[in-house]
Amino acid sequence: MEVRVDRDRCEANGVCVGIAPDIFELDDDEELIITAPVPPADREADVRSAIAQCPRAALTEH
């Protein structure tokens, strides 16, 4: 699994950060940073939840 963000769609709502703060974070400019684009296997369920709950559908799994 690899997670990616579509920067044109992302509004930095932070839903993903709330679900998986060890994978996603917002920088000082409120840009989404994916700290682990290939998350550990034990974090995949939360990453999939973050993808599903993104209000702008800006996150995708590849």
N, C-alpha and C. Protein backbone atom coordinates (compact mmCIF):
# COMPACT_ATOMS: atom_id res chain seq x y z
N MET A 1 0.84 -1.18 0.00
CA MET A 1 0.00 0.00 0.00
C MET A 1 0.88 1.24 0.00
N GLU A 2 0.46 2.21 -0.79
CA GLU A 2 1.08 3.54 -0.77
C GLU A 2 -0.04 4.56 -0.80
N VAL A 3 0.06 5.58 0.03
CA VAL A 3 -0.97 6.62 0.09
C VAL A 3 -0.42 7.90 -0.54
N ARG A 4 -1.27 8.56 -1.30
CA ARG A 4 -0.89 9.80 -1.98
C ARG A 4 -1.95 10.86 -1.75
N VAL A 5 -1.53 12.12 -1.86
CA VAL A 5 -2.46 13.24 -1.71
C VAL A 5 -2.51 14.03 -3.00
N ASP A 6 -3.72 14.39 -3.41
CA ASP A 6 -3.93 15.28 -4.54
C ASP A 6 -3.96 16.70 -3.97
N ARG A 7 -2.88 17.42 -4.14
CA ARG A 7 -2.75 18.75 -3.53
C ARG A 7 -3.78 19.74 -4.06
N ASP A 8 -4.30 19.51 -5.25
CA ASP A 8 -5.34 20.40 -5.79
C ASP A 8 -6.67 20.22 -5.06
N ARG A 9 -6.88 19.04 -4.49
CA ARG A 9 -8.14 18.75 -3.79
C ARG A 9 -8.04 18.99 -2.28
N CYS A 10 -6.85 18.80 -1.72
CA CYS A 10 -6.68 18.85 -0.27
C CYS A 10 -6.92 20.27 0.26
N GLU A 11 -7.77 20.36 1.29
CA GLU A 11 -8.05 21.65 1.94
C GLU A 11 -7.47 21.69 3.35
N ALA A 12 -6.65 20.72 3.70
CA ALA A 12 -6.01 20.64 5.02
C ALA A 12 -7.03 20.67 6.15
N ASN A 13 -8.11 19.91 5.98
CA ASN A 13 -9.13 19.81 7.02
C ASN A 13 -8.62 19.08 8.25
N GLY A 14 -7.63 18.22 8.06
CA GLY A 14 -7.01 17.53 9.18
C GLY A 14 -7.72 16.28 9.67
N VAL A 15 -8.73 15.82 8.95
CA VAL A 15 -9.42 14.60 9.35
C VAL A 15 -8.43 13.44 9.40
N CYS A 16 -7.59 13.34 8.40
CA CYS A 16 -6.60 12.26 8.35
C CYS A 16 -5.61 12.35 9.51
N VAL A 17 -5.25 13.56 9.88
CA VAL A 17 -4.33 13.76 11.00
C VAL A 17 -4.96 13.26 12.29
N GLY A 18 -6.25 13.50 12.45
CA GLY A 18 -6.94 13.02 13.64
C GLY A 18 -7.02 11.51 13.71
N ILE A 19 -7.09 10.86 12.56
CA ILE A 19 -7.21 9.40 12.51
C ILE A 19 -5.84 8.73 12.63
N ALA A 20 -4.85 9.26 11.94
CA ALA A 20 -3.53 8.63 11.91
C ALA A 20 -2.43 9.70 12.00
N PRO A 21 -2.25 10.30 13.19
CA PRO A 21 -1.28 11.38 13.33
C PRO A 21 0.18 10.94 13.14
N ASP A 22 0.41 9.64 13.19
CA ASP A 22 1.77 9.15 12.94
C ASP A 22 2.06 9.01 11.45
N ILE A 23 1.04 9.15 10.62
CA ILE A 23 1.18 9.02 9.16
C ILE A 23 1.00 10.36 8.47
N PHE A 24 0.07 11.18 8.98
CA PHE A 24 -0.26 12.46 8.37
C PHE A 24 -0.01 13.60 9.36
N GLU A 25 0.46 14.73 8.84
CA GLU A 25 0.58 15.93 9.67
C GLU A 25 0.43 17.16 8.78
N LEU A 26 0.09 18.27 9.41
CA LEU A 26 0.00 19.54 8.71
C LEU A 26 1.22 20.37 9.09
N ASP A 27 1.87 20.95 8.08
CA ASP A 27 3.03 21.79 8.38
C ASP A 27 2.58 23.19 8.77
N ASP A 28 3.51 24.07 9.00
CA ASP A 28 3.19 25.44 9.45
C ASP A 28 2.35 26.22 8.43
N ASP A 29 2.42 25.83 7.17
CA ASP A 29 1.65 26.48 6.11
C ASP A 29 0.33 25.76 5.85
N GLU A 30 0.00 24.80 6.72
CA GLU A 30 -1.21 23.98 6.58
C GLU A 30 -1.22 23.16 5.30
N GLU A 31 -0.05 22.69 4.92
CA GLU A 31 0.10 21.74 3.82
C GLU A 31 0.18 20.35 4.43
N LEU A 32 -0.51 19.40 3.82
CA LEU A 32 -0.48 18.04 4.33
C LEU A 32 0.85 17.38 4.00
N ILE A 33 1.45 16.78 5.01
CA ILE A 33 2.67 15.99 4.86
C ILE A 33 2.31 14.55 5.18
N ILE A 34 2.68 13.65 4.28
CA ILE A 34 2.51 12.22 4.55
C ILE A 34 3.87 11.73 5.01
N THR A 35 3.98 11.48 6.31
CA THR A 35 5.28 11.12 6.88
C THR A 35 5.67 9.68 6.57
N ALA A 36 4.69 8.85 6.26
CA ALA A 36 4.96 7.46 5.90
C ALA A 36 4.09 7.09 4.71
N PRO A 37 4.51 7.45 3.49
CA PRO A 37 3.71 7.15 2.30
C PRO A 37 3.42 5.66 2.13
N VAL A 38 4.32 4.83 2.63
CA VAL A 38 4.10 3.39 2.65
C VAL A 38 3.99 3.01 4.14
N PRO A 39 2.77 3.05 4.67
CA PRO A 39 2.61 2.84 6.10
C PRO A 39 2.89 1.39 6.50
N PRO A 40 3.28 1.18 7.75
CA PRO A 40 3.47 -0.18 8.24
C PRO A 40 2.16 -0.96 8.15
N ALA A 41 2.26 -2.24 8.01
CA ALA A 41 1.07 -3.08 7.83
C ALA A 41 0.07 -2.91 8.97
N ASP A 42 0.55 -2.70 10.17
CA ASP A 42 -0.37 -2.57 11.30
C ASP A 42 -1.09 -1.22 11.34
N ARG A 43 -0.76 -0.30 10.45
CA ARG A 43 -1.41 1.01 10.37
C ARG A 43 -2.31 1.14 9.14
N GLU A 44 -2.31 0.13 8.29
CA GLU A 44 -3.07 0.22 7.04
C GLU A 44 -4.57 0.42 7.26
N ALA A 45 -5.15 -0.18 8.28
CA ALA A 45 -6.59 -0.02 8.52
C ALA A 45 -6.93 1.43 8.83
N ASP A 46 -6.11 2.08 9.66
CA ASP A 46 -6.36 3.49 9.97
C ASP A 46 -6.12 4.38 8.76
N VAL A 47 -5.13 4.06 7.96
CA VAL A 47 -4.87 4.85 6.75
C VAL A 47 -6.04 4.72 5.78
N ARG A 48 -6.56 3.52 5.64
CA ARG A 48 -7.73 3.33 4.77
C ARG A 48 -8.94 4.09 5.31
N SER A 49 -9.08 4.14 6.61
CA SER A 49 -10.16 4.92 7.21
C SER A 49 -9.98 6.41 6.93
N ALA A 50 -8.75 6.89 7.02
CA ALA A 50 -8.46 8.30 6.71
C ALA A 50 -8.78 8.61 5.26
N ILE A 51 -8.43 7.70 4.37
CA ILE A 51 -8.71 7.88 2.94
C ILE A 51 -10.23 7.96 2.74
N ALA A 52 -10.95 7.06 3.34
CA ALA A 52 -12.41 7.00 3.17
C ALA A 52 -13.11 8.22 3.76
N GLN A 53 -12.55 8.79 4.83
CA GLN A 53 -13.21 9.90 5.51
C GLN A 53 -12.74 11.28 5.05
N CYS A 54 -11.79 11.34 4.14
CA CYS A 54 -11.31 12.63 3.64
C CYS A 54 -12.48 13.38 2.99
N PRO A 55 -12.81 14.56 3.50
CA PRO A 55 -13.98 15.28 2.98
C PRO A 55 -13.84 15.73 1.53
N ARG A 56 -12.64 15.83 1.03
CA ARG A 56 -12.42 16.26 -0.35
C ARG A 56 -11.94 15.13 -1.26
N ALA A 57 -11.91 13.90 -0.73
CA ALA A 57 -11.43 12.74 -1.48
C ALA A 57 -10.05 13.02 -2.08
N ALA A 58 -9.19 13.65 -1.28
CA ALA A 58 -7.85 14.04 -1.76
C ALA A 58 -6.82 12.94 -1.55
N LEU A 59 -7.16 11.92 -0.77
CA LEU A 59 -6.22 10.84 -0.49
C LEU A 59 -6.59 9.62 -1.30
N THR A 60 -5.57 8.95 -1.83
CA THR A 60 -5.80 7.73 -2.58
C THR A 60 -4.77 6.68 -2.19
N GLU A 61 -5.18 5.43 -2.38
CA GLU A 61 -4.30 4.29 -2.13
C GLU A 61 -3.83 3.72 -3.46
N HIS A 62 -2.55 3.44 -3.53
CA HIS A 62 -1.99 2.86 -4.76
C HIS A 62 -1.27 1.58 -4.43
